Amino acid sequence: MSEEIIKRGDPTEGYDHHDAKAGPVFFWAVVTVVFLVVSILVMSYLSTTVTEREYTELQGKRLWEESTAVHAREEEQLHHYGYIEKEKGIVRLPIDRAMQILEGEYKDGKISYNTKSYPVKVEPPGGAAAPAGAVTETNAPAAAKK
């Protein structure tokens, strides 16, 4: 066997004078970037697909049922008779019938709309007066002693 001579570095040099091989470094850098981009795309696709599927299957179905029930209840209340408070005799009329009654009462002169003009109240300088007994900045210490 031949003896190989191992050359040891000189401690006075201070650093390694050999360059890294650019080919393998570039190759692994490209592989890492491609892996990251593919991972991000796959995770994005999976999260949006699963989220949309869950929403349409679970939430969408529930919301559709709730909105259908609300719509049916509103239609029932708008177009059918019913009691609001049976003990007090308060009833609910269908909207069409209620409008007919109001129209008839207005034609008969039983209902009049307030068209009287009122003078505009001008606010006094310094703002409106506080109600009696209210705590203001001027009487705050006196109100605290009570």
C-alpha atoms as a PDB file:
ATOM      1  CA  MET A   1       0.000   0.000   0.000  1.00  0.00           C
ATOM      2  CA  SER A   2       1.064   3.403  -0.783  1.00  0.00           C
ATOM      3  CA  GLU A   3       1.089   6.013   1.787  1.00  0.00           C
ATOM      4  CA  GLU A   4      -0.907   9.110   1.136  1.00  0.00           C
ATOM      5  CA  ILE A   5       0.369  12.323   2.421  1.00  0.00           C
ATOM      6  CA  ILE A   6      -2.282  14.335   4.222  1.00  0.00           C
ATOM      7  CA  LYS A   7      -1.596  17.977   4.018  1.00  0.00           C
ATOM      8  CA  ARG A   8      -2.796  19.808   7.039  1.00  0.00           C
ATOM      9  CA  GLY A   9      -3.935  23.424   6.805  1.00  0.00           C
ATOM     10  CA  ASP A  10      -1.672  26.115   7.976  1.00  0.00           C
ATOM     11  CA  PRO A  11      -3.188  27.828  11.024  1.00  0.00           C
ATOM     12  CA  THR A  12      -1.893  31.161   9.809  1.00  0.00           C
ATOM     13  CA  GLU A  13      -4.093  31.030   6.675  1.00  0.00           C
ATOM     14  CA  GLY A  14      -7.298  31.604   8.695  1.00  0.00           C
ATOM     15  CA  TYR A  15      -9.855  30.295   6.170  1.00  0.00           C
ATOM     16  CA  ASP A  16     -10.512  27.643   3.600  1.00  0.00           C
ATOM     17  CA  HIS A  17      -9.288  28.672   0.156  1.00  0.00           C
ATOM     18  CA  HIS A  18     -11.459  26.162  -1.704  1.00  0.00           C
ATOM     19  CA  ASP A  19     -14.726  27.301  -3.322  1.00  0.00           C
ATOM     20  CA  ALA A  20     -17.927  25.359  -3.000  1.00  0.00           C
ATOM     21  CA  LYS A  21     -18.983  23.624  -6.196  1.00  0.00           C
ATOM     22  CA  ALA A  22     -21.657  25.806  -7.777  1.00  0.00           C
ATOM     23  CA  GLY A  23     -23.494  22.974  -9.574  1.00  0.00           C
ATOM     24  CA  PRO A  24     -24.721  21.034  -6.533  1.00  0.00           C
ATOM     25  CA  VAL A  25     -25.498  24.217  -4.569  1.00  0.00           C
ATOM     26  CA  PHE A  26     -27.594  25.589  -7.446  1.00  0.00           C
ATOM     27  CA  PHE A  27     -29.322  22.215  -7.938  1.00  0.00           C
ATOM     28  CA  TRP A  28     -30.366  21.931  -4.281  1.00  0.00           C
ATOM     29  CA  ALA A  29     -31.446  25.579  -4.179  1.00  0.00           C
ATOM     30  CA  VAL A  30     -33.743  25.000  -7.186  1.00  0.00           C
ATOM     31  CA  VAL A  31     -35.073  21.746  -5.686  1.00  0.00           C
ATOM     32  CA  THR A  32     -35.860  23.544  -2.410  1.00  0.00           C
ATOM     33  CA  VAL A  33     -37.662  26.428  -4.110  1.00  0.00           C
ATOM     34  CA  VAL A  34     -39.698  24.069  -6.320  1.00  0.00           C
ATOM     35  CA  PHE A  35     -40.621  21.958  -3.293  1.00  0.00           C
ATOM     36  CA  LEU A  36     -41.777  25.045  -1.367  1.00  0.00           C
ATOM     37  CA  VAL A  37     -43.857  26.369  -4.276  1.00  0.00           C
ATOM     38  CA  VAL A  38     -45.501  22.978  -4.865  1.00  0.00           C
ATOM     39  CA  SER A  39     -46.217  22.597  -1.142  1.00  0.00           C
ATOM     40  CA  ILE A  40     -47.838  26.030  -0.960  1.00  0.00           C
ATOM     41  CA  LEU A  41     -49.968  25.356  -4.039  1.00  0.00           C
ATOM     42  CA  VAL A  42     -51.113  21.962  -2.753  1.00  0.00           C
ATOM     43  CA  MET A  43     -51.980  23.337   0.693  1.00  0.00           C
ATOM     44  CA  SER A  44     -53.838  26.273  -0.833  1.00  0.00           C
ATOM     45  CA  TYR A  45     -55.845  23.973  -3.126  1.00  0.00           C
ATOM     46  CA  LEU A  46     -56.689  21.567  -0.330  1.00  0.00           C
ATOM     47  CA  SER A  47     -57.720  24.270   2.116  1.00  0.00           C
ATOM     48  CA  THR A  48     -60.036  26.055  -0.347  1.00  0.00           C
ATOM     49  CA  THR A  49     -61.542  22.839  -1.712  1.00  0.00           C
ATOM     50  CA  VAL A  50     -62.210  21.341   1.702  1.00  0.00           C
ATOM     51  CA  THR A  51     -63.501  24.644   3.074  1.00  0.00           C
ATOM     52  CA  GLU A  52     -65.900  25.171   0.157  1.00  0.00           C
ATOM     53  CA  ARG A  53     -67.135  21.587   0.335  1.00  0.00           C
ATOM     54  CA  GLU A  54     -67.711  21.775   4.086  1.00  0.00           C
ATOM     55  CA  TYR A  55     -69.491  25.099   3.739  1.00  0.00           C
ATOM     56  CA  THR A  56     -71.807  23.972   0.977  1.00  0.00           C
ATOM     57  CA  GLU A  57     -72.566  20.649   2.616  1.00  0.00           C
ATOM     58  CA  LEU A  58     -72.886  21.752   6.228  1.00  0.00           C
ATOM     59  CA  GLN A  59     -73.374  25.490   6.540  1.00  0.00           C
ATOM     60  CA  GLY A  60     -75.057  26.106   3.205  1.00  0.00           C
ATOM     61  CA  LYS A  61     -77.683  23.449   3.798  1.00  0.00           C
ATOM     62  CA  ARG A  62     -78.393  24.703   7.324  1.00  0.00           C
ATOM     63  CA  LEU A  63     -78.599  28.339   6.189  1.00  0.00           C
ATOM     64  CA  TRP A  64     -80.889  27.410   3.317  1.00  0.00           C
ATOM     65  CA  GLU A  65     -83.241  25.567   5.684  1.00  0.00           C
ATOM     66  CA  GLU A  66     -83.242  28.467   8.157  1.00  0.00           C
ATOM     67  CA  SER A  67     -83.926  31.082   5.477  1.00  0.00           C
ATOM     68  CA  THR A  68     -86.710  28.951   4.002  1.00  0.00           C
ATOM     69  CA  ALA A  69     -88.310  28.610   7.439  1.00  0.00           C
ATOM     70  CA  VAL A  70     -88.032  32.363   8.095  1.00  0.00           C
ATOM     71  CA  HIS A  71     -89.541  33.151   4.693  1.00  0.00           C
ATOM     72  CA  ALA A  72     -92.441  30.757   5.294  1.00  0.00           C
ATOM     73  CA  ARG A  73     -93.101  32.288   8.736  1.00  0.00           C
ATOM     74  CA  GLU A  74     -93.049  35.813   7.271  1.00  0.00           C
ATOM     75  CA  GLU A  75     -95.443  34.818   4.494  1.00  0.00           C
ATOM     76  CA  GLU A  76     -97.769  33.255   7.066  1.00  0.00           C
ATOM     77  CA  GLN A  77     -97.743  36.431   9.162  1.00  0.00           C
ATOM     78  CA  LEU A  78     -98.268  38.731   6.168  1.00  0.00           C
ATOM     79  CA  HIS A  79    -101.118  36.896   4.490  1.00  0.00           C
ATOM     80  CA  HIS A  80    -103.125  35.121   7.234  1.00  0.00           C
ATOM     81  CA  TYR A  81    -105.214  36.078  10.248  1.00  0.00           C
ATOM     82  CA  GLY A  82    -103.892  35.285  13.691  1.00  0.00           C
ATOM     83  CA  TYR A  83    -103.737  36.359  17.318  1.00  0.00           C
ATOM     84  CA  ILE A  84    -100.944  38.554  18.610  1.00  0.00           C
ATOM     85  CA  GLU A  85    -102.287  38.538  22.200  1.00  0.00           C
ATOM     86  CA  LYS A  86    -105.401  36.414  22.536  1.00  0.00           C
ATOM     87  CA  GLU A  87    -106.149  37.515  26.135  1.00  0.00           C
ATOM     88  CA  LYS A  88    -106.201  41.203  25.146  1.00  0.00           C
ATOM     89  CA  GLY A  89    -108.013  40.531  21.875  1.00  0.00           C
ATOM     90  CA  ILE A  90    -105.187  41.830  19.697  1.00  0.00           C
ATOM     91  CA  VAL A  91    -105.323  40.173  16.284  1.00  0.00           C
ATOM     92  CA  ARG A  92    -103.157  40.183  13.194  1.00  0.00           C
ATOM     93  CA  LEU A  93    -104.786  40.979   9.856  1.00  0.00           C
ATOM     94  CA  PRO A  94    -103.446  40.045   6.447  1.00  0.00           C
ATOM     95  CA  ILE A  95    -101.609  42.985   4.931  1.00  0.00           C
ATOM     96  CA  ASP A  96    -104.022  43.328   2.003  1.00  0.00           C
ATOM     97  CA  ARG A  97    -107.044  43.494   4.333  1.00  0.00           C
ATOM     98  CA  ALA A  98    -105.319  45.998   6.633  1.00  0.00           C
ATOM     99  CA  MET A  99    -104.583  48.278   3.676  1.00  0.00           C
ATOM    100  CA  GLN A 100    -108.225  48.049   2.538  1.00  0.00           C
ATOM    101  CA  ILE A 101    -109.462  49.023   6.012  1.00  0.00           C
ATOM    102  CA  LEU A 102    -107.063  51.985   6.216  1.00  0.00           C
ATOM    103  CA  GLU A 103    -108.054  53.129   2.750  1.00  0.00           C
ATOM    104  CA  GLY A 104    -111.754  52.981   3.661  1.00  0.00           C
ATOM    105  CA  GLU A 105    -111.229  54.847   6.936  1.00  0.00           C
ATOM    106  CA  TYR A 106    -109.244  57.549   5.162  1.00  0.00           C
ATOM    107  CA  LYS A 107    -111.969  57.958   2.504  1.00  0.00           C
ATOM    108  CA  ASP A 108    -114.615  58.215   5.231  1.00  0.00           C
ATOM    109  CA  GLY A 109    -112.588  60.926   6.971  1.00  0.00           C
ATOM    110  CA  LYS A 110    -111.929  58.861  10.104  1.00  0.00           C
ATOM    111  CA  ILE A 111    -108.166  59.157   9.689  1.00  0.00           C
ATOM    112  CA  SER A 112    -106.427  62.451   9.140  1.00  0.00           C
ATOM    113  CA  TYR A 113    -102.763  63.018   8.826  1.00  0.00           C
ATOM    114  CA  ASN A 114    -101.220  65.738  10.937  1.00  0.00           C
ATOM    115  CA  THR A 115    -100.309  68.495   8.535  1.00  0.00           C
ATOM    116  CA  LYS A 116    -100.295  71.356  11.049  1.00  0.00           C
ATOM    117  CA  SER A 117     -97.115  73.436  11.013  1.00  0.00           C
ATOM    118  CA  TYR A 118     -95.243  74.011  14.235  1.00  0.00           C
ATOM    119  CA  PRO A 119     -92.710  76.765  14.892  1.00  0.00           C
ATOM    120  CA  VAL A 120     -89.095  75.718  15.073  1.00  0.00           C
ATOM    121  CA  LYS A 121     -87.662  75.837  18.580  1.00  0.00           C
ATOM    122  CA  VAL A 122     -84.384  77.696  18.646  1.00  0.00           C
ATOM    123  CA  GLU A 123     -81.765  76.425  21.084  1.00  0.00           C
ATOM    124  CA  PRO A 124     -80.749  79.094  23.604  1.00  0.00           C
ATOM    125  CA  PRO A 125     -77.144  80.266  23.648  1.00  0.00           C
ATOM    126  CA  GLY A 126     -74.966  77.915  25.660  1.00  0.00           C
ATOM    127  CA  GLY A 127     -77.109  74.880  24.874  1.00  0.00           C
ATOM    128  CA  ALA A 128     -80.316  73.551  26.320  1.00  0.00           C
ATOM    129  CA  ALA A 129     -80.837  73.754  30.066  1.00  0.00           C
ATOM    130  CA  ALA A 130     -80.304  70.565  32.039  1.00  0.00           C
ATOM    131  CA  PRO A 131     -83.354  69.000  33.696  1.00  0.00           C
ATOM    132  CA  ALA A 132     -83.876  69.768  37.372  1.00  0.00           C
ATOM    133  CA  GLY A 133     -81.740  67.603  39.648  1.00  0.00           C
ATOM    134  CA  ALA A 134     -79.280  66.604  36.914  1.00  0.00           C
ATOM    135  CA  VAL A 135     -75.596  66.452  37.839  1.00  0.00           C
ATOM    136  CA  THR A 136     -73.568  68.983  35.856  1.00  0.00           C
ATOM    137  CA  GLU A 137     -70.008  70.253  36.080  1.00  0.00           C
ATOM    138  CA  THR A 138     -71.070  73.179  38.267  1.00  0.00           C
ATOM    139  CA  ASN A 139     -72.958  71.142  40.878  1.00  0.00           C
ATOM    140  CA  ALA A 140     -70.960  67.883  40.723  1.00  0.00           C
ATOM    141  CA  PRO A 141     -69.207  68.350  44.141  1.00  0.00           C
ATOM    142  CA  ALA A 142     -72.512  69.219  45.823  1.00  0.00           C
ATOM    143  CA  ALA A 143     -74.238  66.196  44.287  1.00  0.00           C
ATOM    144  CA  ALA A 144     -71.434  63.912  45.473  1.00  0.00           C
ATOM    145  CA  LYS A 145     -71.873  65.083  49.107  1.00  0.00           C
ATOM    146  CA  LYS A 146     -75.570  64.131  49.167  1.00  0.00           C
END
